[in-house]
Protein backbone atom coordinates (compact mmCIF):
# COMPACT_ATOMS: atom_id res chain seq x y z
CA UNK A 1 -7.45 -16.41 36.18
CA UNK A 2 -6.03 -13.84 33.78
CA UNK A 3 -4.46 -16.67 31.75
CA UNK A 4 -7.80 -18.50 31.66
CA UNK A 5 -9.57 -15.30 30.55
CA UNK A 6 -7.36 -14.84 27.48
CA UNK A 7 -6.65 -18.51 26.82
CA UNK A 8 -10.30 -19.56 26.71
CA UNK A 9 -11.14 -16.68 24.37
CA UNK A 10 -8.35 -17.69 21.97
CA UNK A 11 -9.37 -21.40 22.09
CA UNK A 12 -12.98 -20.53 21.27
CA UNK A 13 -11.84 -18.38 18.34
CA UNK A 14 -9.70 -21.25 17.01
CA UNK A 15 -12.65 -23.66 17.33
CA UNK A 16 -14.63 -21.39 15.04
CA UNK A 17 -17.18 -20.08 17.53
CA UNK A 18 -18.63 -16.69 16.45
CA UNK A 19 -16.88 -13.73 18.10
CA UNK A 20 -19.89 -12.51 20.05
CA UNK A 21 -20.57 -15.91 21.58
CA UNK A 22 -16.86 -16.45 22.30
CA UNK A 23 -16.79 -13.22 24.28
CA UNK A 24 -19.98 -14.10 26.13
CA UNK A 25 -18.91 -17.65 27.07
CA UNK A 26 -15.52 -16.40 28.30
CA UNK A 27 -17.16 -13.74 30.43
CA UNK A 28 -19.65 -16.19 31.97
CA UNK A 29 -16.92 -18.70 32.81
CA UNK A 30 -14.86 -16.03 34.56
CA UNK A 31 -17.97 -14.80 36.38
CA UNK A 32 -18.60 -18.28 37.73
CA UNK A 33 -15.02 -19.16 38.68
CA UNK A 34 -13.67 -15.86 39.94
CA UNK A 35 -15.95 -12.87 40.05
CA UNK A 36 -18.85 -14.53 41.79
CA UNK A 37 -21.61 -12.52 40.16
CA UNK A 38 -25.15 -13.89 40.14
CA UNK A 39 -26.33 -15.28 36.82
CA UNK A 40 -29.39 -13.03 37.00
CA UNK A 41 -27.12 -10.07 36.27
CA UNK A 42 -26.02 -11.45 32.89
CA UNK A 43 -29.12 -10.37 30.90
CA UNK A 44 -29.04 -6.96 32.58
CA UNK A 45 -25.42 -6.37 31.58
CA UNK A 46 -26.04 -7.50 27.99
CA UNK A 47 -29.14 -5.36 27.58
CA UNK A 48 -27.37 -2.35 29.11
CA UNK A 49 -24.83 -2.44 26.30
CA UNK A 50 -27.44 -2.49 23.51
CA UNK A 51 -29.88 -0.10 25.21
CA UNK A 52 -27.95 2.95 24.02
CA UNK A 53 -29.25 5.96 22.11
CA UNK A 54 -26.01 6.40 20.06
CA UNK A 55 -26.12 2.74 18.95
CA UNK A 56 -29.48 3.44 17.27
CA UNK A 57 -27.50 5.27 14.59
CA UNK A 58 -25.82 2.06 13.44
CA UNK A 59 -28.83 0.44 11.69
CA UNK A 60 -29.78 3.80 10.20
CA UNK A 61 -26.40 4.41 8.53
CA UNK A 62 -26.21 0.79 7.37
CA UNK A 63 -29.65 1.19 5.77
CA UNK A 64 -28.53 4.47 4.17
CA UNK A 65 -25.66 2.66 2.48
CA UNK A 66 -27.97 -0.05 1.16
CA UNK A 67 -30.38 2.55 -0.20
CA UNK A 68 -27.58 4.27 -2.10
CA UNK A 69 -26.41 1.03 -3.67
CA UNK A 70 -29.94 -0.09 -4.55
CA UNK A 71 -30.69 3.10 -6.51
CA UNK A 72 -28.66 5.38 -8.77
CA UNK A 73 -27.24 7.59 -6.02
CA UNK A 74 -23.80 5.92 -6.10
CA UNK A 75 -23.58 6.26 -9.90
CA UNK A 76 -24.61 9.90 -9.77
CA UNK A 77 -21.98 10.71 -7.14
CA UNK A 78 -19.28 9.02 -9.19
CA UNK A 79 -20.37 10.91 -12.29
CA UNK A 80 -20.19 14.27 -10.51
CA UNK A 81 -16.76 13.46 -9.06
CA UNK A 82 -15.50 12.45 -12.53
CA UNK A 83 -16.53 15.78 -14.04
CA UNK A 84 -14.91 17.74 -11.19
CA UNK A 85 -11.46 16.07 -11.15
CA UNK A 86 -11.35 13.52 -13.98
CA UNK A 87 -9.44 15.92 -16.25
CA UNK A 88 -6.37 15.88 -13.98
CA UNK A 89 -3.42 13.53 -14.81
CA UNK A 90 -4.49 10.13 -13.57
CA UNK A 91 -7.92 11.68 -13.23
CA UNK A 92 -9.88 8.53 -12.43
CA UNK A 93 -7.60 7.90 -9.47
CA UNK A 94 -8.61 11.31 -8.10
CA UNK A 95 -12.22 10.52 -8.93
CA UNK A 96 -11.93 7.25 -7.00
CA UNK A 97 -10.77 9.01 -3.83
CA UNK A 98 -13.17 11.96 -4.13
CA UNK A 99 -16.16 9.69 -4.77
CA UNK A 100 -15.28 7.71 -1.64
CA UNK A 101 -15.17 10.92 0.40
CA UNK A 102 -18.66 11.81 -0.80
CA UNK A 103 -19.97 8.29 -0.31
CA UNK A 104 -18.63 7.98 3.23
CA UNK A 105 -20.77 10.92 4.32
CA UNK A 106 -23.77 8.61 4.10
CA UNK A 107 -22.78 5.02 4.92
CA UNK A 108 -20.01 5.10 7.54
CA UNK A 109 -18.48 1.74 6.64
CA UNK A 110 -15.56 0.65 4.46
CA UNK A 111 -17.39 -2.44 3.15
CA UNK A 112 -20.37 -0.41 1.94
CA UNK A 113 -17.98 1.90 0.06
CA UNK A 114 -16.05 -0.85 -1.75
CA UNK A 115 -19.18 -2.90 -2.43
CA UNK A 116 -21.13 0.07 -3.76
CA UNK A 117 -18.55 2.19 -5.54
CA UNK A 118 -16.03 -0.57 -6.28
CA UNK A 119 -17.71 -2.12 -9.34
CA UNK A 120 -18.34 1.30 -10.89
CA UNK A 121 -14.79 2.52 -10.21
CA UNK A 122 -13.04 -0.64 -11.37
CA UNK A 123 -15.05 -0.91 -14.60
CA UNK A 124 -14.46 2.77 -15.48
CA UNK A 125 -10.72 2.63 -14.74
CA UNK A 126 -10.19 -0.59 -16.68
CA UNK A 127 -12.01 0.85 -19.69
CA UNK A 128 -9.78 3.95 -19.52
CA UNK A 129 -6.59 1.82 -19.55
CA UNK A 130 -5.41 1.87 -15.93
CA UNK A 131 -3.56 -1.22 -14.73
CA UNK A 132 -5.22 -3.58 -12.26
CA UNK A 133 -2.66 -3.13 -9.46
CA UNK A 134 -3.30 0.61 -9.31
CA UNK A 135 -7.06 0.15 -9.60
CA UNK A 136 -7.20 -2.34 -6.72
CA UNK A 137 -4.79 -0.29 -4.60
CA UNK A 138 -6.60 3.02 -4.83
CA UNK A 139 -10.10 1.45 -4.62
CA UNK A 140 -9.25 -0.53 -1.49
CA UNK A 141 -7.43 2.33 0.19
CA UNK A 142 -10.06 4.97 -0.53
CA UNK A 143 -12.77 2.80 1.01
CA UNK A 144 -11.02 3.11 4.39
CA UNK A 145 -12.03 6.79 4.51
CA UNK A 146 -15.59 5.74 5.40
CA UNK A 147 -15.05 4.91 9.09
CA UNK A 148 -12.90 8.04 9.63
CA UNK A 149 -15.08 10.74 8.10
CA UNK A 150 -18.46 11.27 9.78
CA UNK A 151 -20.67 9.36 10.01
CA UNK A 152 -18.72 6.31 11.14
CA UNK A 153 -20.19 3.05 12.42
CA UNK A 154 -16.96 2.01 14.20
CA UNK A 155 -16.82 5.39 15.97
CA UNK A 156 -20.44 5.02 17.08
CA UNK A 157 -19.66 1.60 18.55
CA UNK A 158 -16.46 2.87 20.19
CA UNK A 159 -18.31 5.87 21.64
CA UNK A 160 -20.99 3.63 23.08
CA UNK A 161 -18.49 1.26 24.76
CA UNK A 162 -16.14 4.03 25.97
CA UNK A 163 -18.96 6.41 26.95
CA UNK A 164 -17.39 9.06 24.70
CA UNK A 165 -19.30 11.74 22.79
CA UNK A 166 -20.20 10.42 19.35
CA UNK A 167 -20.64 13.99 18.09
CA UNK A 168 -17.11 14.87 19.23
CA UNK A 169 -15.79 11.69 17.60
CA UNK A 170 -17.52 12.59 14.34
CA UNK A 171 -16.07 16.10 14.25
CA UNK A 172 -12.72 14.73 15.44
CA UNK A 173 -12.59 12.52 12.35
CA UNK A 174 -12.79 15.38 9.87
CA UNK A 175 -9.14 16.52 10.00
CA UNK A 176 -7.68 12.96 10.06
CA UNK A 177 -9.98 12.15 7.14
CA UNK A 178 -8.69 15.14 5.21
CA UNK A 179 -5.10 14.14 5.99
CA UNK A 180 -5.72 10.63 4.68
CA UNK A 181 -7.42 12.01 1.57
CA UNK A 182 -4.54 14.37 0.77
CA UNK A 183 -1.98 11.63 1.26
CA UNK A 184 -3.95 9.33 -1.07
CA UNK A 185 -4.25 12.06 -3.68
CA UNK A 186 -0.49 12.59 -3.42
CA UNK A 187 0.05 8.86 -4.03
CA UNK A 188 -2.29 9.04 -7.06
CA UNK A 189 -0.16 11.90 -8.45
CA UNK A 190 3.01 9.89 -8.00
CA UNK A 191 1.59 6.85 -9.85
CA UNK A 192 0.08 9.09 -12.57
CA UNK A 193 3.40 10.84 -13.25
CA UNK A 194 5.39 7.58 -13.20
CA UNK A 195 3.04 5.51 -15.37
CA UNK A 196 1.67 8.28 -17.62
CA UNK A 197 -1.95 7.53 -16.82
CA UNK A 198 -4.66 9.10 -19.03
CA UNK A 199 -6.96 11.93 -18.14
CA UNK A 200 -10.50 12.82 -19.18
CA UNK A 201 -11.06 15.78 -21.50
CA UNK A 202 -11.54 19.13 -19.78
CA UNK A 203 -15.30 19.35 -19.25
CA UNK A 204 -17.35 22.11 -20.85
CA UNK A 205 -19.53 24.39 -18.77
CA UNK A 206 -22.57 22.52 -20.08
CA UNK A 207 -21.12 19.18 -18.99
CA UNK A 208 -20.41 20.50 -15.49
CA UNK A 209 -23.88 21.98 -15.16
CA UNK A 210 -25.47 18.69 -16.28
CA UNK A 211 -23.37 16.63 -13.84
CA UNK A 212 -24.15 18.99 -10.96
CA UNK A 213 -27.87 18.86 -11.71
CA UNK A 214 -27.75 15.06 -11.88
CA UNK A 215 -25.63 14.51 -8.77
CA UNK A 216 -26.18 17.51 -6.48
CA UNK A 217 -29.10 16.06 -4.51
CA UNK A 218 -27.13 12.84 -3.99
CA UNK A 219 -24.21 14.68 -2.41
CA UNK A 220 -25.64 17.25 -0.01
CA UNK A 221 -26.56 15.02 2.95
CA UNK A 222 -22.93 14.75 4.24
CA UNK A 223 -22.83 18.55 4.53
CA UNK A 224 -26.15 18.53 6.38
CA UNK A 225 -24.84 15.92 8.84
CA UNK A 226 -21.65 17.80 9.62
CA UNK A 227 -23.37 21.19 9.86
CA UNK A 228 -26.16 19.83 12.05
CA UNK A 229 -23.82 18.15 14.52
CA UNK A 230 -21.45 21.11 14.60
CA UNK A 231 -24.23 23.61 15.29
CA UNK A 232 -26.07 21.34 17.71
CA UNK A 233 -29.23 21.19 15.62
CA UNK A 234 -29.38 17.43 16.01
CA UNK A 235 -27.44 14.50 17.47
CA UNK A 236 -25.58 11.89 15.38
CA UNK A 237 -28.44 9.44 15.96
CA UNK A 238 -31.00 11.97 14.75
CA UNK A 239 -28.73 12.72 11.78
CA UNK A 240 -28.81 9.03 10.86
CA UNK A 241 -32.62 9.07 10.76
CA UNK A 242 -32.62 12.23 8.67
CA UNK A 243 -30.22 10.67 6.15
CA UNK A 244 -32.38 7.53 5.80
CA UNK A 245 -35.57 9.54 5.29
CA UNK A 246 -33.76 11.73 2.74
CA UNK A 247 -32.45 8.68 0.84
CA UNK A 248 -35.94 7.11 0.75
CA UNK A 249 -37.47 10.32 -0.64
CA UNK A 250 -34.64 10.58 -3.19
CA UNK A 251 -34.64 6.98 -4.41
CA UNK A 252 -38.40 6.33 -4.29
CA UNK A 253 -40.00 9.65 -5.24
CA UNK A 254 -37.34 11.77 -7.02
CA UNK A 255 -35.22 9.28 -8.95
CA UNK A 256 -37.86 6.48 -8.90
CA UNK A 257 -35.12 3.81 -8.77
CA UNK A 258 -36.86 1.56 -6.23
CA UNK A 259 -40.29 1.02 -4.69
CA UNK A 260 -41.48 0.79 -1.08
CA UNK A 261 -41.41 -3.00 -1.52
CA UNK A 262 -37.68 -2.74 -2.21
CA UNK A 263 -37.23 -0.48 0.84
CA UNK A 264 -38.93 -3.10 3.01
CA UNK A 265 -36.53 -5.73 1.68
CA UNK A 266 -33.54 -3.51 2.46
CA UNK A 267 -34.84 -2.92 5.99
CA UNK A 268 -35.01 -6.70 6.55
CA UNK A 269 -31.44 -7.13 5.24
CA UNK A 270 -30.26 -4.35 7.53
CA UNK A 271 -31.99 -5.96 10.52
CA UNK A 272 -30.02 -9.16 9.93
CA UNK A 273 -26.74 -7.25 9.74
CA UNK A 274 -27.54 -5.25 12.86
CA UNK A 275 -28.47 -8.39 14.80
CA UNK A 276 -24.89 -9.64 14.57
CA UNK A 277 -23.51 -6.26 15.60
CA UNK A 278 -26.02 -6.04 18.47
CA UNK A 279 -24.88 -9.39 19.84
CA UNK A 280 -21.29 -8.20 19.75
CA UNK A 281 -22.10 -4.93 21.55
CA UNK A 282 -24.24 -6.67 24.18
CA UNK A 283 -21.59 -9.30 24.88
CA UNK A 284 -18.94 -6.57 25.00
CA UNK A 285 -20.94 -4.90 27.79
CA UNK A 286 -20.97 -8.13 29.78
CA UNK A 287 -17.30 -8.70 28.99
CA UNK A 288 -16.32 -5.19 30.10
CA UNK A 289 -18.12 -5.52 33.41
CA UNK A 290 -16.53 -8.87 34.14
CA UNK A 291 -12.94 -7.86 33.35
CA UNK A 292 -13.24 -4.79 35.58
CA UNK A 293 -14.58 -6.93 38.46
CA UNK A 294 -11.85 -9.51 37.84
CA UNK A 295 -9.28 -6.65 38.07
CA UNK A 296 -7.66 -7.62 34.78
CA UNK A 297 -7.21 -4.01 33.55
CA UNK A 298 -5.56 -3.14 36.86
CA UNK A 299 -3.02 -5.91 36.34
CA UNK A 300 -2.29 -4.70 32.78
CA UNK A 301 -2.06 -1.11 34.01
CA UNK A 302 0.42 -2.11 36.72
CA UNK A 303 2.58 -3.87 34.13
CA UNK A 304 2.50 -0.93 31.72
CA UNK A 305 3.19 1.57 34.52
CA UNK A 306 6.36 -0.32 35.35
CA UNK A 307 7.47 -0.65 31.72
CA UNK A 308 5.99 2.30 29.81
CA UNK A 309 7.28 5.70 30.80
CA UNK A 310 4.96 8.11 28.99
CA UNK A 311 1.57 8.54 27.33
CA UNK A 312 3.19 8.66 23.92
CA UNK A 313 4.98 5.37 24.54
CA UNK A 314 1.67 3.81 25.64
CA UNK A 315 0.01 4.93 22.41
CA UNK A 316 2.88 3.53 20.35
CA UNK A 317 2.65 0.18 22.15
CA UNK A 318 -1.12 0.04 21.67
CA UNK A 319 -0.71 0.93 17.97
CA UNK A 320 1.73 -1.90 17.42
CA UNK A 321 -0.53 -4.29 19.30
CA UNK A 322 -3.60 -3.25 17.28
CA UNK A 323 -1.75 -3.45 13.95
CA UNK A 324 -0.94 -7.07 14.82
CA UNK A 325 -4.26 -8.31 16.26
CA UNK A 326 -6.29 -6.31 13.74
CA UNK A 327 -4.91 -8.51 10.98
CA UNK A 328 -6.62 -11.50 12.58
CA UNK A 329 -9.91 -9.94 13.72
CA UNK A 330 -12.79 -7.96 12.26
CA UNK A 331 -13.02 -4.26 13.12
CA UNK A 332 -16.11 -4.35 15.32
CA UNK A 333 -14.77 -7.44 17.13
CA UNK A 334 -11.50 -5.62 17.90
CA UNK A 335 -13.35 -2.62 19.27
CA UNK A 336 -15.70 -4.68 21.44
CA UNK A 337 -12.95 -6.90 22.84
CA UNK A 338 -10.10 -4.48 23.46
CA UNK A 339 -11.72 -1.15 24.31
CA UNK A 340 -13.01 -2.47 27.67
CA UNK A 341 -9.48 -3.75 28.38
CA UNK A 342 -7.77 -0.51 27.39
CA UNK A 343 -10.24 1.92 28.92
CA UNK A 344 -9.02 1.91 32.57
CA UNK A 345 -5.37 2.34 31.58
CA UNK A 346 -6.20 5.11 29.08
CA UNK A 347 -8.05 7.01 31.78
CA UNK A 348 -5.26 6.40 34.31
CA UNK A 349 -2.62 7.61 31.81
CA UNK A 350 -4.75 10.70 31.00
CA UNK A 351 -5.26 9.81 27.34
CA UNK A 352 -8.07 11.74 25.71
CA UNK A 353 -10.72 9.20 24.72
CA UNK A 354 -11.73 11.19 21.62
CA UNK A 355 -8.12 11.21 20.45
CA UNK A 356 -7.72 7.48 21.08
CA UNK A 357 -10.97 6.69 19.28
CA UNK A 358 -9.60 8.13 16.05
CA UNK A 359 -6.23 6.45 16.60
CA UNK A 360 -8.06 3.14 17.01
CA UNK A 361 -10.19 3.50 13.89
CA UNK A 362 -7.36 4.73 11.62
CA UNK A 363 -5.28 1.83 12.90
CA UNK A 364 -7.97 -0.74 12.22
CA UNK A 365 -8.49 0.61 8.70
CA UNK A 366 -5.03 -0.71 7.87
CA UNK A 367 -6.20 -4.11 9.11
CA UNK A 368 -9.18 -4.31 6.71
CA UNK A 369 -6.65 -4.32 3.85
CA UNK A 370 -4.38 -7.04 5.24
CA UNK A 371 -4.66 -10.84 5.12
CA UNK A 372 -5.72 -13.21 6.56
CA UNK A 373 -8.99 -11.50 7.60
CA UNK A 374 -9.03 -8.16 5.79
CA UNK A 375 -12.65 -7.88 4.69
CA UNK A 376 -12.06 -5.01 2.21
CA UNK A 377 -9.19 -7.01 0.71
CA UNK A 378 -11.49 -9.96 0.01
CA UNK A 379 -14.30 -7.80 -1.39
CA UNK A 380 -11.98 -5.97 -3.77
CA UNK A 381 -10.50 -9.31 -4.88
CA UNK A 382 -13.99 -10.61 -5.62
CA UNK A 383 -14.93 -7.52 -7.60
CA UNK A 384 -11.65 -7.23 -9.53
CA UNK A 385 -10.91 -10.94 -10.02
CA UNK A 386 -7.34 -10.56 -8.71
CA UNK A 387 -5.78 -13.13 -6.39
CA UNK A 388 -5.35 -12.27 -2.70
CA UNK A 389 -1.56 -12.33 -3.09
CA UNK A 390 -1.53 -9.91 -6.03
CA UNK A 391 -4.09 -7.60 -4.40
CA UNK A 392 -2.06 -7.53 -1.18
CA UNK A 393 1.06 -6.49 -3.09
CA UNK A 394 -0.94 -3.81 -4.90
CA UNK A 395 -2.19 -2.45 -1.56
CA UNK A 396 1.22 -2.25 0.15
CA UNK A 397 2.07 1.35 -0.99
CA UNK A 398 -1.38 2.47 0.14
CA UNK A 399 -0.93 0.81 3.53
CA UNK A 400 2.21 2.92 3.91
CA UNK A 401 0.07 6.01 3.30
CA UNK A 402 -2.29 4.91 6.07
CA UNK A 403 0.65 4.27 8.45
CA UNK A 404 1.86 7.83 7.85
CA UNK A 405 -1.63 9.14 8.57
CA UNK A 406 -1.76 7.03 11.73
CA UNK A 407 1.58 8.46 12.87
CA UNK A 408 0.38 12.04 12.31
CA UNK A 409 -2.87 11.44 14.22
CA UNK A 410 -1.02 9.74 17.10
CA UNK A 411 1.75 12.33 17.45
CA UNK A 412 -0.45 15.41 17.04
CA UNK A 413 -3.62 15.12 19.16
CA UNK A 414 -4.90 18.52 18.00
CA UNK A 415 -5.55 17.07 14.55
CA UNK A 416 -8.42 15.26 16.30
CA UNK A 417 -9.34 17.58 19.16
CA UNK A 418 -9.35 20.99 17.41
CA UNK A 419 -12.83 20.91 15.88
CA UNK A 420 -14.64 19.25 18.83
CA UNK A 421 -13.18 21.98 21.09
CA UNK A 422 -14.36 24.73 18.71
CA UNK A 423 -17.84 23.21 18.75
CA UNK A 424 -17.83 23.09 22.55
CA UNK A 425 -18.25 19.31 22.63
CA UNK A 426 -15.11 18.79 24.75
CA UNK A 427 -13.16 21.04 27.09
C-alpha cells in the first residue's frame, strides 16, 4: 500500500495532473483500498484544512503585493534604498538586497518580489553598467528573502498544516533573514571589489530628505507588522488585513496611483491565485489524515529510527531530500505534500516545529532558483532576457550563499528560537 501511495502520486504528476488534484486522487484511492474511511468524510477533511484563521492571511498578503506593484510604492522603496546605500562600491547591488528586505515586509512571496522589483532593479543596474550575470544573480537571490522575513506565505501555510504558531514562525524568521541578507551583502562586496563596479555619488542632505519624504510611508508597514506581533497587539492574520487597508489608503488616497476600480480588479486576480492555493491546502488536509490512518509515517519513522542515530542526522537527511525534490516541485506543493509525512517523525524525534519550519522554507528558497521548475529562475529570465542556462550559471554563487545560511539555521536552532522565546510565543 505504501508503494501504491507514492507510485500513484508520481504517475499522476508525470501525466500532468495539477498537484492539488493529484494529492486528492491519491488520498481517495488509498482511503478506498486500505483505510476504509467513508466517502462522506472527504469533504469534511478538505474543509477542515481550509477553515483556518491563519490561512486567511494568505490572500491578504498576496493582495498587498499586487497593490504595491500596481502603484508607485515599489518605485518609492527602491528610490529610498538607493539613496541610503547606493554610494557604496557596487552600490546598486546593495540597493537590490536592501529593497528586497523592505519589499518582503509587505508581500511574503519570492515571486511578488522579483516580479515587482525585478524590472526596476534590472533596468537601473544595466543603465549603470553592471553585467547581466551579476544583475540576474543578485536579483534572483535577494527575492528569496521574502518567504523568510515576516510576513511569509509559505510559513503561514506550514503553520496551518503543522499546527505551529504563525506568530512564532514570523519572529523566528527574523534572524535567519538577517543572516541571509548579510551573506548576500558580503557576496555583493566580493563582486564589487573584483569587477570594480560603479557607485552612486554620495547623496546630499537635501537628496536624503527628499527620498525619505517620498518613500517613508511606503516602508513603515513592515515595522508595524513585526512590532504588533512581537507585542501581541494583533495576530499575523490581523496584521495582513492592516497592511492591505494601509496599502489601499496609500495608493488610492495619498499617492493617487490607482482607483477603487483598479482595487476591485486586483481583488479578483488575488481570488484566482488564492483558489489554487486553497485547493492545495484542502487536499493536503485530506492527504495528511489518510497517511496517518494508513500508518505510512510510522513506517518511515521505524526506518529512520533504525538508520538515523540523532536529531541532527535526521535534519541533514531531510535537508538533502528537500534540496532534491524541491528542484522538481513548487514551494507550496512541497509543503503540502511532505509536511504531513514528516510531522509524526519530527514530533517523535523531538524536533522543534518552529525550527524545522524555517529550515524547510530556507531550503525551498534554494529550489526556486534551480531548474527544471524554479519559478523565480523563470521569472528573472523573462525579465532579463537571459537564457535559463546562463541565468542558472549566474545564480550558482548565490545558491552557495543560501546553502551556507541553511547550514547555519540547521546547526544552530537558537537562530530561529531566540526571538519567539523572548516574546513568550514558545517555551
